[in-house]
Amino acid sequence: MRAPGHGGEKRGEGRIVMLAYITRRLLATIPVMAVVAVFVFSMLRLTPGDPAAIIAGAAATSQDIVDIRQKLGLDRPIVTQFFIWITRVLSGDFGESFFYKK
């Protein structure tokens, strides 16, 4: 027979402590993921060349490039581009494949 106050109460307290620890760790990942998102977006935007010109190809006219930039949202402010990008990434939309066109 167990003495009152032993075993069950400590196990319940341990679960609460562990749940609090897990919650703190999960909340701590939010700023880390935000920094990673800004870093990845910046690296994508800092790559050399104009994405619209690369997609359009060598035979494209300047109007073709303008149309592609507008379609991709590259004519919008960089902050707007970031929020559109992060919203799509969080919903699982990683864009159109250059290879498969899907």
PDB file of N, CA and C in Angstrom:
ATOM      1  N   MET A   1       0.833  -1.166   0.000  1.00  0.00           N
ATOM      2  CA  MET A   1       0.000   0.000   0.000  1.00  0.00           C
ATOM      3  C   MET A   1       0.894   1.252   0.000  1.00  0.00           C
ATOM      4  N   ARG A   2       0.498   2.226  -0.844  1.00  0.00           N
ATOM      5  CA  ARG A   2       1.280   3.461  -0.956  1.00  0.00           C
ATOM      6  C   ARG A   2       0.827   4.478   0.070  1.00  0.00           C
ATOM      7  N   ALA A   3       1.803   5.243   0.504  1.00  0.00           N
ATOM      8  CA  ALA A   3       1.489   6.333   1.426  1.00  0.00           C
ATOM      9  C   ALA A   3       0.879   7.480   0.639  1.00  0.00           C
ATOM     10  N   PRO A   4      -0.035   8.219   1.233  1.00  0.00           N
ATOM     11  CA  PRO A   4      -0.636   9.356   0.524  1.00  0.00           C
ATOM     12  C   PRO A   4       0.427  10.376   0.121  1.00  0.00           C
ATOM     13  N   GLY A   5       0.229  10.937  -1.069  1.00  0.00           N
ATOM     14  CA  GLY A   5       1.144  11.963  -1.539  1.00  0.00           C
ATOM     15  C   GLY A   5       2.353  11.420  -2.270  1.00  0.00           C
ATOM     16  N   HIS A   6       2.424  10.107  -2.499  1.00  0.00           N
ATOM     17  CA  HIS A   6       3.565   9.528  -3.195  1.00  0.00           C
ATOM     18  C   HIS A   6       3.111   8.950  -4.528  1.00  0.00           C
ATOM     19  N   GLY A   7       3.953   9.071  -5.525  1.00  0.00           N
ATOM     20  CA  GLY A   7       3.709   8.406  -6.806  1.00  0.00           C
ATOM     21  C   GLY A   7       2.838   9.201  -7.745  1.00  0.00           C
ATOM     22  N   GLY A   8       1.535   9.128  -7.589  1.00  0.00           N
ATOM     23  CA  GLY A   8       0.600   9.713  -8.542  1.00  0.00           C
ATOM     24  C   GLY A   8       0.727  11.216  -8.688  1.00  0.00           C
ATOM     25  N   GLU A   9       0.915  11.897  -7.586  1.00  0.00           N
ATOM     26  CA  GLU A   9       1.015  13.354  -7.653  1.00  0.00           C
ATOM     27  C   GLU A   9       2.297  13.780  -8.348  1.00  0.00           C
ATOM     28  N   LYS A  10       3.386  13.112  -8.086  1.00  0.00           N
ATOM     29  CA  LYS A  10       4.653  13.477  -8.716  1.00  0.00           C
ATOM     30  C   LYS A  10       4.625  13.184 -10.206  1.00  0.00           C
ATOM     31  N   ARG A  11       3.966  12.096 -10.581  1.00  0.00           N
ATOM     32  CA  ARG A  11       3.869  11.762 -11.995  1.00  0.00           C
ATOM     33  C   ARG A  11       3.059  12.831 -12.726  1.00  0.00           C
ATOM     34  N   GLY A  12       1.979  13.303 -12.133  1.00  0.00           N
ATOM     35  CA  GLY A  12       1.172  14.362 -12.736  1.00  0.00           C
ATOM     36  C   GLY A  12       1.950  15.663 -12.849  1.00  0.00           C
ATOM     37  N   GLU A  13       2.733  15.974 -11.813  1.00  0.00           N
ATOM     38  CA  GLU A  13       3.555  17.177 -11.858  1.00  0.00           C
ATOM     39  C   GLU A  13       4.624  17.058 -12.933  1.00  0.00           C
ATOM     40  N   GLY A  14       5.188  15.865 -13.077  1.00  0.00           N
ATOM     41  CA  GLY A  14       6.200  15.632 -14.115  1.00  0.00           C
ATOM     42  C   GLY A  14       5.644  15.840 -15.507  1.00  0.00           C
ATOM     43  N   ARG A  15       4.405  15.408 -15.711  1.00  0.00           N
ATOM     44  CA  ARG A  15       3.761  15.603 -17.022  1.00  0.00           C
ATOM     45  C   ARG A  15       3.549  17.080 -17.310  1.00  0.00           C
ATOM     46  N   ILE A  16       3.146  17.818 -16.293  1.00  0.00           N
ATOM     47  CA  ILE A  16       2.926  19.254 -16.473  1.00  0.00           C
ATOM     48  C   ILE A  16       4.243  19.953 -16.795  1.00  0.00           C
ATOM     49  N   VAL A  17       5.296  19.583 -16.075  1.00  0.00           N
ATOM     50  CA  VAL A  17       6.608  20.175 -16.323  1.00  0.00           C
ATOM     51  C   VAL A  17       7.078  19.848 -17.734  1.00  0.00           C
ATOM     52  N   MET A  18       6.883  18.583 -18.149  1.00  0.00           N
ATOM     53  CA  MET A  18       7.305  18.178 -19.499  1.00  0.00           C
ATOM     54  C   MET A  18       6.483  18.899 -20.567  1.00  0.00           C
ATOM     55  N   LEU A  19       5.192  19.032 -20.352  1.00  0.00           N
ATOM     56  CA  LEU A  19       4.334  19.746 -21.303  1.00  0.00           C
ATOM     57  C   LEU A  19       4.752  21.214 -21.408  1.00  0.00           C
ATOM     58  N   ALA A  20       5.082  21.825 -20.279  1.00  0.00           N
ATOM     59  CA  ALA A  20       5.547  23.221 -20.291  1.00  0.00           C
ATOM     60  C   ALA A  20       6.873  23.334 -21.052  1.00  0.00           C
ATOM     61  N   TYR A  21       7.752  22.379 -20.839  1.00  0.00           N
ATOM     62  CA  TYR A  21       9.048  22.373 -21.539  1.00  0.00           C
ATOM     63  C   TYR A  21       8.843  22.244 -23.046  1.00  0.00           C
ATOM     64  N   ILE A  22       8.001  21.302 -23.462  1.00  0.00           N
ATOM     65  CA  ILE A  22       7.736  21.101 -24.892  1.00  0.00           C
ATOM     66  C   ILE A  22       7.108  22.349 -25.492  1.00  0.00           C
ATOM     67  N   THR A  23       6.185  22.952 -24.782  1.00  0.00           N
ATOM     68  CA  THR A  23       5.534  24.177 -25.267  1.00  0.00           C
ATOM     69  C   THR A  23       6.552  25.298 -25.449  1.00  0.00           C
ATOM     70  N   ARG A  24       7.441  25.465 -24.470  1.00  0.00           N
ATOM     71  CA  ARG A  24       8.482  26.505 -24.581  1.00  0.00           C
ATOM     72  C   ARG A  24       9.380  26.242 -25.783  1.00  0.00           C
ATOM     73  N   ARG A  25       9.771  24.994 -25.973  1.00  0.00           N
ATOM     74  CA  ARG A  25      10.651  24.653 -27.103  1.00  0.00           C
ATOM     75  C   ARG A  25       9.958  24.901 -28.440  1.00  0.00           C
ATOM     76  N   LEU A  26       8.682  24.545 -28.540  1.00  0.00           N
ATOM     77  CA  LEU A  26       7.944  24.789 -29.785  1.00  0.00           C
ATOM     78  C   LEU A  26       7.795  26.283 -30.053  1.00  0.00           C
ATOM     79  N   LEU A  27       7.515  27.055 -29.014  1.00  0.00           N
ATOM     80  CA  LEU A  27       7.403  28.507 -29.187  1.00  0.00           C
ATOM     81  C   LEU A  27       8.747  29.133 -29.559  1.00  0.00           C
ATOM     82  N   ALA A  28       9.831  28.549 -29.083  1.00  0.00           N
ATOM     83  CA  ALA A  28      11.162  29.069 -29.410  1.00  0.00           C
ATOM     84  C   ALA A  28      11.526  28.832 -30.872  1.00  0.00           C
ATOM     85  N   THR A  29      10.881  27.874 -31.513  1.00  0.00           N
ATOM     86  CA  THR A  29      11.183  27.622 -32.927  1.00  0.00           C
ATOM     87  C   THR A  29      10.569  28.675 -33.847  1.00  0.00           C
ATOM     88  N   ILE A  30       9.570  29.394 -33.372  1.00  0.00           N
ATOM     89  CA  ILE A  30       8.901  30.386 -34.229  1.00  0.00           C
ATOM     90  C   ILE A  30       9.866  31.469 -34.700  1.00  0.00           C
ATOM     91  N   PRO A  31      10.617  32.137 -33.809  1.00  0.00           N
ATOM     92  CA  PRO A  31      11.553  33.147 -34.319  1.00  0.00           C
ATOM     93  C   PRO A  31      12.658  32.544 -35.189  1.00  0.00           C
ATOM     94  N   VAL A  32      13.083  31.339 -34.868  1.00  0.00           N
ATOM     95  CA  VAL A  32      14.114  30.691 -35.680  1.00  0.00           C
ATOM     96  C   VAL A  32      13.588  30.449 -37.089  1.00  0.00           C
ATOM     97  N   MET A  33      12.369  29.955 -37.196  1.00  0.00           N
ATOM     98  CA  MET A  33      11.786  29.708 -38.514  1.00  0.00           C
ATOM     99  C   MET A  33      11.571  31.012 -39.279  1.00  0.00           C
ATOM    100  N   ALA A  34      11.252  32.089 -38.571  1.00  0.00           N
ATOM    101  CA  ALA A  34      11.085  33.381 -39.232  1.00  0.00           C
ATOM    102  C   ALA A  34      12.410  33.857 -39.823  1.00  0.00           C
ATOM    103  N   VAL A  35      13.487  33.708 -39.068  1.00  0.00           N
ATOM    104  CA  VAL A  35      14.807  34.107 -39.572  1.00  0.00           C
ATOM    105  C   VAL A  35      15.201  33.242 -40.766  1.00  0.00           C
ATOM    106  N   VAL A  36      14.947  31.953 -40.686  1.00  0.00           N
ATOM    107  CA  VAL A  36      15.253  31.051 -41.802  1.00  0.00           C
ATOM    108  C   VAL A  36      14.442  31.439 -43.039  1.00  0.00           C
ATOM    109  N   ALA A  37      13.178  31.767 -42.857  1.00  0.00           N
ATOM    110  CA  ALA A  37      12.332  32.164 -43.994  1.00  0.00           C
ATOM    111  C   ALA A  37      12.865  33.426 -44.660  1.00  0.00           C
ATOM    112  N   VAL A  38      13.253  34.420 -43.864  1.00  0.00           N
ATOM    113  CA  VAL A  38      13.809  35.658 -44.430  1.00  0.00           C
ATOM    114  C   VAL A  38      15.114  35.357 -45.153  1.00  0.00           C
ATOM    115  N   PHE A  39      15.943  34.502 -44.572  1.00  0.00           N
ATOM    116  CA  PHE A  39      17.213  34.138 -45.194  1.00  0.00           C
ATOM    117  C   PHE A  39      16.992  33.430 -46.536  1.00  0.00           C
ATOM    118  N   VAL A  40      16.115  32.449 -46.566  1.00  0.00           N
ATOM    119  CA  VAL A  40      15.850  31.703 -47.808  1.00  0.00           C
ATOM    120  C   VAL A  40      15.275  32.635 -48.871  1.00  0.00           C
ATOM    121  N   PHE A  41      14.313  33.467 -48.494  1.00  0.00           N
ATOM    122  CA  PHE A  41      13.728  34.407 -49.449  1.00  0.00           C
ATOM    123  C   PHE A  41      14.796  35.354 -49.995  1.00  0.00           C
ATOM    124  N   SER A  42      15.656  35.847 -49.116  1.00  0.00           N
ATOM    125  CA  SER A  42      16.719  36.753 -49.547  1.00  0.00           C
ATOM    126  C   SER A  42      17.675  36.069 -50.514  1.00  0.00           C
ATOM    127  N   MET A  43      18.032  34.839 -50.226  1.00  0.00           N
ATOM    128  CA  MET A  43      18.935  34.097 -51.113  1.00  0.00           C
ATOM    129  C   MET A  43      18.294  33.869 -52.482  1.00  0.00           C
ATOM    130  N   LEU A  44      16.995  33.602 -52.492  1.00  0.00           N
ATOM    131  CA  LEU A  44      16.304  33.415 -53.774  1.00  0.00           C
ATOM    132  C   LEU A  44      16.289  34.714 -54.582  1.00  0.00           C
ATOM    133  N   ARG A  45      16.136  35.830 -53.893  1.00  0.00           N
ATOM    134  CA  ARG A  45      16.068  37.123 -54.593  1.00  0.00           C
ATOM    135  C   ARG A  45      17.447  37.663 -54.974  1.00  0.00           C
ATOM    136  N   LEU A  46      18.492  37.235 -54.278  1.00  0.00           N
ATOM    137  CA  LEU A  46      19.833  37.740 -54.559  1.00  0.00           C
ATOM    138  C   LEU A  46      20.577  36.932 -55.624  1.00  0.00           C
ATOM    139  N   THR A  47      19.963  35.883 -56.136  1.00  0.00           N
ATOM    140  CA  THR A  47      20.624  35.110 -57.194  1.00  0.00           C
ATOM    141  C   THR A  47      20.794  35.997 -58.418  1.00  0.00           C
ATOM    142  N   PRO A  48      21.890  35.812 -59.143  1.00  0.00           N
ATOM    143  CA  PRO A  48      22.134  36.689 -60.294  1.00  0.00           C
ATOM    144  C   PRO A  48      21.132  36.458 -61.418  1.00  0.00           C
ATOM    145  N   GLY A  49      20.863  37.533 -62.129  1.00  0.00           N
ATOM    146  CA  GLY A  49      19.972  37.462 -63.284  1.00  0.00           C
ATOM    147  C   GLY A  49      18.532  37.796 -62.923  1.00  0.00           C
ATOM    148  N   ASP A  50      17.789  38.168 -63.931  1.00  0.00           N
ATOM    149  CA  ASP A  50      16.381  38.479 -63.776  1.00  0.00           C
ATOM    150  C   ASP A  50      15.589  37.201 -64.028  1.00  0.00           C
ATOM    151  N   PRO A  51      14.840  36.712 -63.040  1.00  0.00           N
ATOM    152  CA  PRO A  51      14.089  35.471 -63.237  1.00  0.00           C
ATOM    153  C   PRO A  51      13.137  35.540 -64.442  1.00  0.00           C
ATOM    154  N   ALA A  52      12.530  36.702 -64.646  1.00  0.00           N
ATOM    155  CA  ALA A  52      11.600  36.845 -65.764  1.00  0.00           C
ATOM    156  C   ALA A  52      12.332  36.717 -67.101  1.00  0.00           C
ATOM    157  N   ALA A  53      13.513  37.302 -67.208  1.00  0.00           N
ATOM    158  CA  ALA A  53      14.291  37.217 -68.452  1.00  0.00           C
ATOM    159  C   ALA A  53      14.768  35.784 -68.691  1.00  0.00           C
ATOM    160  N   ILE A  54      15.136  35.090 -67.620  1.00  0.00           N
ATOM    161  CA  ILE A  54      15.580  33.703 -67.758  1.00  0.00           C
ATOM    162  C   ILE A  54      14.429  32.816 -68.205  1.00  0.00           C
ATOM    163  N   ILE A  55      13.253  33.014 -67.624  1.00  0.00           N
ATOM    164  CA  ILE A  55      12.082  32.223 -68.010  1.00  0.00           C
ATOM    165  C   ILE A  55      11.672  32.533 -69.441  1.00  0.00           C
ATOM    166  N   ALA A  56      11.719  33.807 -69.815  1.00  0.00           N
ATOM    167  CA  ALA A  56      11.279  34.215 -71.149  1.00  0.00           C
ATOM    168  C   ALA A  56      12.198  33.687 -72.247  1.00  0.00           C
ATOM    169  N   GLY A  57      13.467  33.574 -71.945  1.00  0.00           N
ATOM    170  CA  GLY A  57      14.409  33.082 -72.955  1.00  0.00           C
ATOM    171  C   GLY A  57      15.040  34.218 -73.736  1.00  0.00           C
ATOM    172  N   ALA A  58      15.998  33.856 -74.587  1.00  0.00           N
ATOM    173  CA  ALA A  58      16.781  34.848 -75.324  1.00  0.00           C
ATOM    174  C   ALA A  58      15.968  35.567 -76.401  1.00  0.00           C
ATOM    175  N   ALA A  59      14.967  34.908 -76.948  1.00  0.00           N
ATOM    176  CA  ALA A  59      14.190  35.493 -78.050  1.00  0.00           C
ATOM    177  C   ALA A  59      13.023  36.350 -77.570  1.00  0.00           C
ATOM    178  N   ALA A  60      12.893  36.558 -76.269  1.00  0.00           N
ATOM    179  CA  ALA A  60      11.754  37.298 -75.735  1.00  0.00           C
ATOM    180  C   ALA A  60      11.903  38.798 -75.958  1.00  0.00           C
ATOM    181  N   THR A  61      10.771  39.420 -76.135  1.00  0.00           N
ATOM    182  CA  THR A  61      10.758  40.880 -76.243  1.00  0.00           C
ATOM    183  C   THR A  61      10.715  41.471 -74.837  1.00  0.00           C
ATOM    184  N   SER A  62      10.945  42.774 -74.757  1.00  0.00           N
ATOM    185  CA  SER A  62      10.895  43.419 -73.447  1.00  0.00           C
ATOM    186  C   SER A  62       9.475  43.367 -72.872  1.00  0.00           C
ATOM    187  N   GLN A  63       8.471  43.386 -73.734  1.00  0.00           N
ATOM    188  CA  GLN A  63       7.085  43.282 -73.264  1.00  0.00           C
ATOM    189  C   GLN A  63       6.819  41.888 -72.687  1.00  0.00           C
ATOM    190  N   ASP A  64       7.408  40.834 -73.285  1.00  0.00           N
ATOM    191  CA  ASP A  64       7.272  39.483 -72.743  1.00  0.00           C
ATOM    192  C   ASP A  64       7.838  39.417 -71.320  1.00  0.00           C
ATOM    193  N   ILE A  65       8.977  40.045 -71.138  1.00  0.00           N
ATOM    194  CA  ILE A  65       9.617  40.041 -69.820  1.00  0.00           C
ATOM    195  C   ILE A  65       8.771  40.814 -68.818  1.00  0.00           C
ATOM    196  N   VAL A  66       8.227  41.952 -69.217  1.00  0.00           N
ATOM    197  CA  VAL A  66       7.353  42.737 -68.344  1.00  0.00           C
ATOM    198  C   VAL A  66       6.124  41.917 -67.957  1.00  0.00           C
ATOM    199  N   ASP A  67       5.543  41.204 -68.923  1.00  0.00           N
ATOM    200  CA  ASP A  67       4.364  40.377 -68.645  1.00  0.00           C
ATOM    201  C   ASP A  67       4.685  39.261 -67.647  1.00  0.00           C
ATOM    202  N   ILE A  68       5.834  38.628 -67.798  1.00  0.00           N
ATOM    203  CA  ILE A  68       6.231  37.557 -66.887  1.00  0.00           C
ATOM    204  C   ILE A  68       6.499  38.124 -65.492  1.00  0.00           C
ATOM    205  N   ARG A  69       7.172  39.272 -65.430  1.00  0.00           N
ATOM    206  CA  ARG A  69       7.423  39.899 -64.127  1.00  0.00           C
ATOM    207  C   ARG A  69       6.104  40.217 -63.421  1.00  0.00           C
ATOM    208  N   GLN A  70       5.126  40.683 -64.184  1.00  0.00           N
ATOM    209  CA  GLN A  70       3.818  40.993 -63.598  1.00  0.00           C
ATOM    210  C   GLN A  70       3.110  39.717 -63.153  1.00  0.00           C
ATOM    211  N   LYS A  71       3.168  38.672 -63.971  1.00  0.00           N
ATOM    212  CA  LYS A  71       2.517  37.397 -63.635  1.00  0.00           C
ATOM    213  C   LYS A  71       3.123  36.791 -62.364  1.00  0.00           C
ATOM    214  N   LEU A  72       4.430  36.893 -62.210  1.00  0.00           N
ATOM    215  CA  LEU A  72       5.116  36.329 -61.045  1.00  0.00           C
ATOM    216  C   LEU A  72       5.087  37.254 -59.827  1.00  0.00           C
ATOM    217  N   GLY A  73       4.626  38.489 -60.011  1.00  0.00           N
ATOM    218  CA  GLY A  73       4.575  39.436 -58.903  1.00  0.00           C
ATOM    219  C   GLY A  73       5.911  40.097 -58.620  1.00  0.00           C
ATOM    220  N   LEU A  74       6.848  40.007 -59.555  1.00  0.00           N
ATOM    221  CA  LEU A  74       8.173  40.599 -59.360  1.00  0.00           C
ATOM    222  C   LEU A  74       8.162  42.116 -59.498  1.00  0.00           C
ATOM    223  N   ASP A  75       7.041  42.660 -59.937  1.00  0.00           N
ATOM    224  CA  ASP A  75       6.916  44.111 -60.060  1.00  0.00           C
ATOM    225  C   ASP A  75       6.399  44.746 -58.762  1.00  0.00           C
ATOM    226  N   ARG A  76       6.099  43.927 -57.774  1.00  0.00           N
ATOM    227  CA  ARG A  76       5.586  44.425 -56.494  1.00  0.00           C
ATOM    228  C   ARG A  76       6.745  44.713 -55.543  1.00  0.00           C
ATOM    229  N   PRO A  77       6.488  45.483 -54.488  1.00  0.00           N
ATOM    230  CA  PRO A  77       7.544  45.753 -53.494  1.00  0.00           C
ATOM    231  C   PRO A  77       8.044  44.440 -52.864  1.00  0.00           C
ATOM    232  N   ILE A  78       9.289  44.442 -52.439  1.00  0.00           N
ATOM    233  CA  ILE A  78       9.932  43.236 -51.922  1.00  0.00           C
ATOM    234  C   ILE A  78       9.212  42.698 -50.683  1.00  0.00           C
ATOM    235  N   VAL A  79       8.682  43.581 -49.839  1.00  0.00           N
ATOM    236  CA  VAL A  79       7.957  43.138 -48.644  1.00  0.00           C
ATOM    237  C   VAL A  79       6.677  42.411 -49.049  1.00  0.00           C
ATOM    238  N   THR A  80       5.982  42.942 -50.036  1.00  0.00           N
ATOM    239  CA  THR A  80       4.771  42.289 -50.541  1.00  0.00           C
ATOM    240  C   THR A  80       5.120  40.932 -51.138  1.00  0.00           C
ATOM    241  N   GLN A  81       6.209  40.862 -51.896  1.00  0.00           N
ATOM    242  CA  GLN A  81       6.651  39.589 -52.466  1.00  0.00           C
ATOM    243  C   GLN A  81       6.922  38.570 -51.370  1.00  0.00           C
ATOM    244  N   PHE A  82       7.562  39.021 -50.282  1.00  0.00           N
ATOM    245  CA  PHE A  82       7.872  38.110 -49.180  1.00  0.00           C
ATOM    246  C   PHE A  82       6.598  37.550 -48.562  1.00  0.00           C
ATOM    247  N   PHE A  83       5.616  38.400 -48.284  1.00  0.00           N
ATOM    248  CA  PHE A  83       4.397  37.917 -47.639  1.00  0.00           C
ATOM    249  C   PHE A  83       3.591  37.005 -48.562  1.00  0.00           C
ATOM    250  N   ILE A  84       3.589  37.281 -49.847  1.00  0.00           N
ATOM    251  CA  ILE A  84       2.938  36.366 -50.801  1.00  0.00           C
ATOM    252  C   ILE A  84       3.666  35.029 -50.790  1.00  0.00           C
ATOM    253  N   TRP A  85       5.001  35.077 -50.834  1.00  0.00           N
ATOM    254  CA  TRP A  85       5.811  33.850 -50.859  1.00  0.00           C
ATOM    255  C   TRP A  85       5.607  33.025 -49.596  1.00  0.00           C
ATOM    256  N   ILE A  86       5.692  33.665 -48.420  1.00  0.00           N
ATOM    257  CA  ILE A  86       5.579  32.922 -47.163  1.00  0.00           C
ATOM    258  C   ILE A  86       4.178  32.346 -46.997  1.00  0.00           C
ATOM    259  N   THR A  87       3.154  33.066 -47.440  1.00  0.00           N
ATOM    260  CA  THR A  87       1.788  32.551 -47.369  1.00  0.00           C
ATOM    261  C   THR A  87       1.640  31.303 -48.228  1.00  0.00           C
ATOM    262  N   ARG A  88       2.204  31.351 -49.419  1.00  0.00           N
ATOM    263  CA  ARG A  88       2.121  30.188 -50.300  1.00  0.00           C
ATOM    264  C   ARG A  88       2.931  29.011 -49.772  1.00  0.00           C
ATOM    265  N   VAL A  89       4.116  29.276 -49.254  1.00  0.00           N
ATOM    266  CA  VAL A  89       4.955  28.196 -48.705  1.00  0.00           C
ATOM    267  C   VAL A  89       4.248  27.533 -47.527  1.00  0.00           C
ATOM    268  N   LEU A  90       3.662  28.326 -46.641  1.00  0.00           N
ATOM    269  CA  LEU A  90       2.978  27.771 -45.480  1.00  0.00           C
ATOM    270  C   LEU A  90       1.740  26.967 -45.863  1.00  0.00           C
ATOM    271  N   SER A  91       1.169  27.257 -47.026  1.00  0.00           N
ATOM    272  CA  SER A  91       0.014  26.478 -47.482  1.00  0.00           C
ATOM    273  C   SER A  91       0.428  25.300 -48.359  1.00  0.00           C
ATOM    274  N   GLY A  92       1.742  25.102 -48.539  1.00  0.00           N
ATOM    275  CA  GLY A  92       2.224  23.947 -49.302  1.00  0.00           C
ATOM    276  C   GLY A  92       2.411  24.211 -50.784  1.00  0.00           C
ATOM    277  N   ASP A  93       2.251  25.460 -51.215  1.00  0.00           N
ATOM    278  CA  ASP A  93       2.424  25.812 -52.625  1.00  0.00           C
ATOM    279  C   ASP A  93       3.853  26.306 -52.821  1.00  0.00           C
ATOM    280  N   PHE A  94       4.678  25.470 -53.453  1.00  0.00           N
ATOM    281  CA  PHE A  94       6.079  25.831 -53.670  1.00  0.00           C
ATOM    282  C   PHE A  94       6.324  26.356 -55.078  1.00  0.00           C
ATOM    283  N   GLY A  95       5.247  26.657 -55.803  1.00  0.00           N
ATOM    284  CA  GLY A  95       5.376  27.247 -57.121  1.00  0.00           C
ATOM    285  C   GLY A  95       5.374  26.227 -58.240  1.00  0.00           C
ATOM    286  N   GLU A  96       5.611  26.748 -59.423  1.00  0.00           N
ATOM    287  CA  GLU A  96       5.613  25.923 -60.635  1.00  0.00           C
ATOM    288  C   GLU A  96       7.011  25.404 -60.902  1.00  0.00           C
ATOM    289  N   SER A  97       7.088  24.150 -61.272  1.00  0.00           N
ATOM    290  CA  SER A  97       8.382  23.541 -61.586  1.00  0.00           C
ATOM    291  C   SER A  97       8.862  24.041 -62.946  1.00  0.00           C
ATOM    292  N   PHE A  98      10.132  24.422 -63.009  1.00  0.00           N
ATOM    293  CA  PHE A  98      10.694  24.843 -64.283  1.00  0.00           C
ATOM    294  C   PHE A  98      10.838  23.650 -65.224  1.00  0.00           C
ATOM    295  N   PHE A  99      11.044  22.475 -64.664  1.00  0.00           N
ATOM    296  CA  PHE A  99      11.270  21.288 -65.477  1.00  0.00           C
ATOM    297  C   PHE A  99       9.983  20.626 -65.929  1.00  0.00           C
ATOM    298  N   TYR A 100       9.012  20.511 -65.014  1.00  0.00           N
ATOM    299  CA  TYR A 100       7.788  19.773 -65.312  1.00  0.00           C
ATOM    300  C   TYR A 100       6.615  20.684 -65.675  1.00  0.00           C
ATOM    301  N   LYS A 101       6.778  21.984 -65.478  1.00  0.00           N
ATOM    302  CA  LYS A 101       5.740  22.977 -65.774  1.00  0.00           C
ATOM    303  C   LYS A 101       4.415  22.653 -65.064  1.00  0.00           C
ATOM    304  N   LYS A 102       4.513  22.154 -63.838  1.00  0.00           N
ATOM    305  CA  LYS A 102       3.305  21.828 -63.047  1.00  0.00           C
ATOM    306  C   LYS A 102       3.318  22.625 -61.774  1.00  0.00           C
TER     307      LYS A 102
END
